[in-house]
N, C-alpha and C. Protein backbone atom coordinates (compact mmCIF):
# COMPACT_ATOMS: atom_id res chain seq x y z
N MET A 1 -0.47 23.06 -27.09
CA MET A 1 -0.21 24.29 -27.36
C MET A 1 -0.53 25.03 -25.96
N LYS A 2 0.36 26.04 -25.52
CA LYS A 2 0.10 26.52 -24.36
C LYS A 2 -0.95 27.81 -24.68
N SER A 3 -1.78 28.30 -23.49
CA SER A 3 -2.48 29.22 -23.85
C SER A 3 -1.65 30.57 -23.47
N LYS A 4 -2.52 31.77 -23.94
CA LYS A 4 -1.74 32.94 -23.82
C LYS A 4 -1.27 33.17 -22.52
N ASN A 5 -2.21 32.87 -21.36
CA ASN A 5 -1.95 33.33 -19.99
C ASN A 5 -0.55 32.26 -19.50
N GLU A 6 -0.63 31.19 -19.76
CA GLU A 6 0.35 30.24 -19.55
C GLU A 6 1.73 30.61 -19.75
N TYR A 7 1.38 30.83 -21.21
CA TYR A 7 2.94 31.55 -21.94
C TYR A 7 3.48 32.65 -21.25
N ILE A 8 2.56 33.71 -20.80
CA ILE A 8 3.01 34.64 -20.14
C ILE A 8 3.55 34.43 -18.75
N GLU A 9 2.95 33.63 -18.05
CA GLU A 9 3.43 33.28 -16.71
C GLU A 9 4.70 32.63 -17.00
N ILE A 10 4.93 31.57 -17.75
CA ILE A 10 6.14 30.81 -17.88
C ILE A 10 7.43 32.01 -18.17
N LEU A 11 7.15 33.11 -19.20
CA LEU A 11 7.96 34.05 -19.49
C LEU A 11 8.37 34.89 -18.42
N ALA A 12 7.23 35.32 -17.49
CA ALA A 12 7.32 36.31 -16.27
C ALA A 12 8.20 35.38 -15.40
N THR A 13 8.11 34.26 -15.17
CA THR A 13 8.80 33.50 -14.05
C THR A 13 10.33 33.59 -14.69
N GLU A 14 10.40 33.24 -15.98
CA GLU A 14 11.87 33.12 -16.20
C GLU A 14 12.64 34.42 -16.36
N LEU A 15 11.86 35.43 -16.52
CA LEU A 15 12.11 36.74 -16.43
C LEU A 15 12.66 37.20 -15.09
N ARG A 16 12.04 36.99 -14.25
CA ARG A 16 12.35 37.01 -12.79
C ARG A 16 13.67 36.46 -12.32
N GLU A 17 13.66 35.12 -13.02
CA GLU A 17 15.10 34.35 -12.63
C GLU A 17 16.26 34.89 -13.30
N LEU A 18 15.94 35.20 -14.65
CA LEU A 18 17.14 35.98 -15.25
C LEU A 18 17.53 37.27 -14.72
N SER A 19 16.62 37.92 -14.39
CA SER A 19 16.74 39.43 -14.00
C SER A 19 17.64 39.04 -12.59
N THR A 20 17.20 38.26 -11.90
CA THR A 20 17.98 37.97 -10.41
C THR A 20 19.73 37.40 -10.95
N GLU A 21 19.93 36.63 -11.78
CA GLU A 21 21.02 36.08 -12.10
C GLU A 21 22.00 37.76 -12.79
N ILE A 22 21.23 38.60 -13.36
CA ILE A 22 21.93 39.68 -14.11
C ILE A 22 22.21 40.62 -12.64
N ASP A 23 21.46 40.67 -11.98
CA ASP A 23 21.61 41.39 -10.25
C ASP A 23 22.85 40.75 -9.90
N GLU A 24 22.99 39.44 -9.81
CA GLU A 24 24.25 38.61 -9.28
C GLU A 24 25.37 39.24 -9.74
N LEU A 25 25.29 39.25 -11.41
CA LEU A 25 26.76 39.47 -12.09
C LEU A 25 26.87 41.21 -11.65
N THR A 26 26.01 41.80 -11.54
CA THR A 26 26.27 43.47 -11.19
C THR A 26 26.95 43.29 -10.03
N ALA A 27 26.53 42.67 -9.02
CA ALA A 27 27.19 42.73 -7.72
C ALA A 27 28.62 42.35 -7.82
N LYS A 28 28.98 41.21 -8.60
CA LYS A 28 30.34 40.72 -9.03
C LYS A 28 31.18 41.72 -9.49
N THR A 29 30.58 42.61 -10.46
CA THR A 29 31.20 43.41 -10.96
C THR A 29 31.83 44.71 -10.26
N GLU A 30 30.93 44.91 -9.29
CA GLU A 30 31.20 46.06 -8.37
C GLU A 30 32.67 45.50 -7.69
N ASN A 31 32.87 44.42 -7.44
CA ASN A 31 34.14 43.90 -6.83
C ASN A 31 35.27 43.56 -7.74
N ALA A 32 35.22 43.76 -8.81
CA ALA A 32 36.22 43.36 -9.65
C ALA A 32 37.19 44.59 -9.83
N ALA A 33 38.41 44.39 -10.52
CA ALA A 33 39.43 45.44 -10.67
C ALA A 33 38.68 46.71 -11.80
N ALA A 34 39.34 47.81 -11.78
CA ALA A 34 38.93 48.69 -12.34
C ALA A 34 38.90 48.30 -14.24
N THR A 35 40.03 47.79 -14.55
CA THR A 35 40.06 47.65 -16.01
C THR A 35 39.02 46.39 -16.54
N VAL A 36 38.77 45.47 -15.53
CA VAL A 36 37.94 44.27 -15.63
C VAL A 36 36.40 45.03 -15.58
N LYS A 37 36.44 46.02 -14.65
CA LYS A 37 34.94 46.61 -14.63
C LYS A 37 34.18 47.26 -15.72
N LEU A 38 35.29 47.67 -16.48
CA LEU A 38 34.63 48.39 -17.73
C LEU A 38 33.97 47.28 -18.86
N ASN A 39 34.80 46.20 -18.77
CA ASN A 39 34.17 45.18 -19.56
C ASN A 39 32.93 44.78 -19.00
N TYR A 40 33.24 44.28 -18.08
CA TYR A 40 31.66 43.80 -17.36
C TYR A 40 30.37 44.64 -17.49
N PHE A 41 30.91 46.09 -17.28
CA PHE A 41 29.88 47.02 -17.36
C PHE A 41 29.24 47.17 -19.03
N GLU A 42 30.02 47.03 -19.86
CA GLU A 42 29.61 47.32 -21.23
C GLU A 42 28.66 45.80 -21.41
N GLU A 43 29.26 44.59 -20.77
CA GLU A 43 28.56 43.33 -21.11
C GLU A 43 27.22 43.55 -20.21
N LEU A 44 26.94 43.89 -19.07
CA LEU A 44 25.86 44.09 -18.51
C LEU A 44 24.80 45.25 -18.91
N GLU A 45 25.55 46.13 -19.67
CA GLU A 45 24.57 47.27 -20.18
C GLU A 45 23.78 46.44 -21.50
N ALA A 46 24.47 45.64 -22.14
CA ALA A 46 23.76 45.06 -23.30
C ALA A 46 22.77 44.09 -22.54
N LEU A 47 23.12 43.18 -21.59
CA LEU A 47 22.20 42.61 -21.20
C LEU A 47 20.85 43.07 -20.50
N ARG A 48 21.18 44.19 -19.92
CA ARG A 48 20.15 45.17 -19.49
C ARG A 48 18.90 45.55 -20.65
N ALA A 49 19.67 45.96 -21.78
CA ALA A 49 18.77 46.27 -22.77
C ALA A 49 18.28 45.26 -23.40
N LYS A 50 18.59 43.70 -23.36
CA LYS A 50 18.17 42.77 -23.87
C LYS A 50 16.76 42.40 -22.72
N GLN A 51 17.14 42.41 -21.36
CA GLN A 51 15.98 42.35 -20.18
C GLN A 51 14.98 43.28 -20.56
N GLN A 52 15.38 44.48 -21.05
CA GLN A 52 14.08 45.66 -21.17
C GLN A 52 13.24 45.19 -22.33
N ALA A 53 14.01 44.74 -23.36
CA ALA A 53 13.16 44.30 -24.65
C ALA A 53 12.28 43.08 -24.35
N ALA A 54 12.84 42.10 -23.42
CA ALA A 54 11.88 41.13 -22.94
C ALA A 54 10.48 41.64 -22.28
N VAL A 55 10.86 42.46 -21.34
CA VAL A 55 9.82 43.14 -20.64
C VAL A 55 8.87 43.93 -21.51
N GLU A 56 9.30 44.82 -22.51
CA GLU A 56 8.50 45.34 -23.30
C GLU A 56 7.75 44.33 -24.21
N LYS A 57 8.17 43.17 -24.52
CA LYS A 57 7.78 42.14 -25.52
C LYS A 57 6.59 41.45 -24.66
N MET A 58 6.60 41.39 -23.35
CA MET A 58 5.64 40.58 -22.35
C MET A 58 4.71 41.75 -22.33
N LYS A 59 4.49 43.07 -22.32
CA LYS A 59 3.87 43.90 -22.02
C LYS A 59 2.79 43.85 -23.49
N GLU A 60 3.52 43.73 -24.68
CA GLU A 60 2.84 43.39 -25.82
C GLU A 60 1.91 42.33 -25.90
N LEU A 61 2.41 41.02 -25.27
CA LEU A 61 1.81 39.99 -25.34
C LEU A 61 0.49 39.83 -24.65
N GLU A 62 0.85 40.64 -23.12
CA GLU A 62 -0.46 40.83 -22.25
C GLU A 62 -1.55 41.75 -22.88
N ALA A 63 -1.04 42.87 -23.69
CA ALA A 63 -1.92 43.86 -24.16
C ALA A 63 -2.83 43.12 -25.61
N ASN A 64 -2.35 42.07 -26.18
CA ASN A 64 -2.77 41.71 -27.49
C ASN A 64 -4.07 40.60 -27.09
N ARG A 65 -4.93 40.70 -27.93
CA ARG A 65 -6.06 39.72 -27.83
C ARG A 65 -6.24 38.67 -28.91
N GLY A 66 -6.75 37.77 -28.68
CA GLY A 66 -7.16 37.03 -29.79
C GLY A 66 -6.21 36.03 -30.39
N GLU A 67 -5.89 36.16 -31.78
CA GLU A 67 -4.74 35.70 -32.68
C GLU A 67 -3.55 36.66 -32.89
N ALA A 68 -3.79 37.62 -32.39
CA ALA A 68 -2.73 38.54 -32.53
C ALA A 68 -1.32 38.02 -31.66
N TRP A 69 -1.73 37.68 -30.39
CA TRP A 69 -0.64 37.27 -29.70
C TRP A 69 0.12 35.92 -30.25
N GLU A 70 -0.56 35.29 -30.92
CA GLU A 70 0.39 34.11 -31.41
C GLU A 70 1.25 34.53 -32.48
N GLU A 71 1.10 35.56 -33.14
CA GLU A 71 2.16 36.26 -34.04
C GLU A 71 3.29 36.83 -33.13
N LEU A 72 2.93 37.61 -32.30
CA LEU A 72 3.84 38.16 -31.27
C LEU A 72 4.79 37.04 -30.46
N LYS A 73 3.95 35.89 -30.12
CA LYS A 73 4.83 34.88 -29.76
C LYS A 73 6.05 34.28 -30.43
N GLU A 74 6.40 34.58 -31.49
CA GLU A 74 7.36 34.04 -32.40
C GLU A 74 8.54 35.38 -32.00
N THR A 75 8.22 36.43 -32.07
CA THR A 75 9.10 37.48 -31.78
C THR A 75 9.55 37.42 -30.47
N ALA A 76 8.59 37.13 -29.49
CA ALA A 76 9.03 36.79 -27.81
C ALA A 76 9.93 35.79 -27.65
N ASP A 77 9.76 34.82 -28.33
CA ASP A 77 10.75 33.56 -28.46
C ASP A 77 12.00 34.02 -28.85
N THR A 78 12.36 35.02 -29.62
CA THR A 78 13.44 35.15 -30.31
C THR A 78 14.22 36.11 -29.15
N VAL A 79 13.38 37.13 -28.48
CA VAL A 79 13.71 38.23 -27.58
C VAL A 79 14.43 37.17 -26.61
N TRP A 80 13.69 36.59 -25.94
CA TRP A 80 14.03 35.61 -24.99
C TRP A 80 15.11 34.60 -25.17
N HIS A 81 15.27 33.92 -26.37
CA HIS A 81 16.61 33.29 -26.57
C HIS A 81 17.82 34.34 -26.85
N ASP A 82 17.77 35.40 -27.04
CA ASP A 82 18.69 36.79 -27.26
C ASP A 82 19.24 36.84 -25.64
N LEU A 83 18.20 36.86 -24.58
CA LEU A 83 18.74 37.08 -23.33
C LEU A 83 19.32 36.17 -22.62
N ARG A 84 18.45 34.99 -22.97
CA ARG A 84 19.13 33.73 -22.36
C ARG A 84 20.66 33.44 -22.84
N THR A 85 20.88 33.73 -24.04
CA THR A 85 22.40 33.44 -24.73
C THR A 85 23.24 34.53 -24.27
N GLY A 86 22.66 35.85 -24.26
CA GLY A 86 23.50 36.98 -23.74
C GLY A 86 23.65 36.80 -22.38
N LEU A 87 22.85 36.08 -21.26
CA LEU A 87 23.25 35.85 -19.96
C LEU A 87 24.49 34.79 -19.90
N ALA A 88 24.00 33.54 -20.75
CA ALA A 88 24.92 32.93 -20.51
C ALA A 88 26.36 33.03 -20.75
N SER A 89 26.37 33.81 -21.98
CA SER A 89 27.84 34.39 -22.59
C SER A 89 28.62 35.20 -21.24
N ALA A 90 27.66 35.97 -20.69
CA ALA A 90 28.10 36.96 -19.59
C ALA A 90 28.73 36.14 -18.35
N VAL A 91 27.76 35.14 -18.07
CA VAL A 91 28.29 34.08 -16.94
C VAL A 91 29.59 33.59 -17.05
N SER A 92 29.86 33.05 -18.40
CA SER A 92 30.90 32.22 -18.46
C SER A 92 32.23 33.53 -18.65
N LYS A 93 31.97 34.58 -19.14
CA LYS A 93 32.99 35.53 -19.33
C LYS A 93 33.30 36.01 -17.93
N PHE A 94 32.30 36.01 -16.78
CA PHE A 94 32.38 36.66 -15.43
C PHE A 94 33.24 35.43 -14.65
N LYS A 95 33.13 34.38 -15.00
CA LYS A 95 33.87 33.32 -14.02
C LYS A 95 35.56 33.42 -13.86
């Protein structure tokens, strides 16, 4: 089982990587046709919301001590799963 600090470091690293991918999609969107842009922007807004939820969950994890962080870990796993799958879906649509 990973310690709290190891778990948070893994999430922070992944969040940086996912954020970079979202930024790359945003740049691609800027070059898309107007009608396509609207769809892309909506998709990106949903991704940014998931990204923000992940940031907030990581802050919660960092703030909690003792056994409380174990309970938050399950929720964090769900938030991260949503972000990963949302990004994968967006990437496939943007190709």
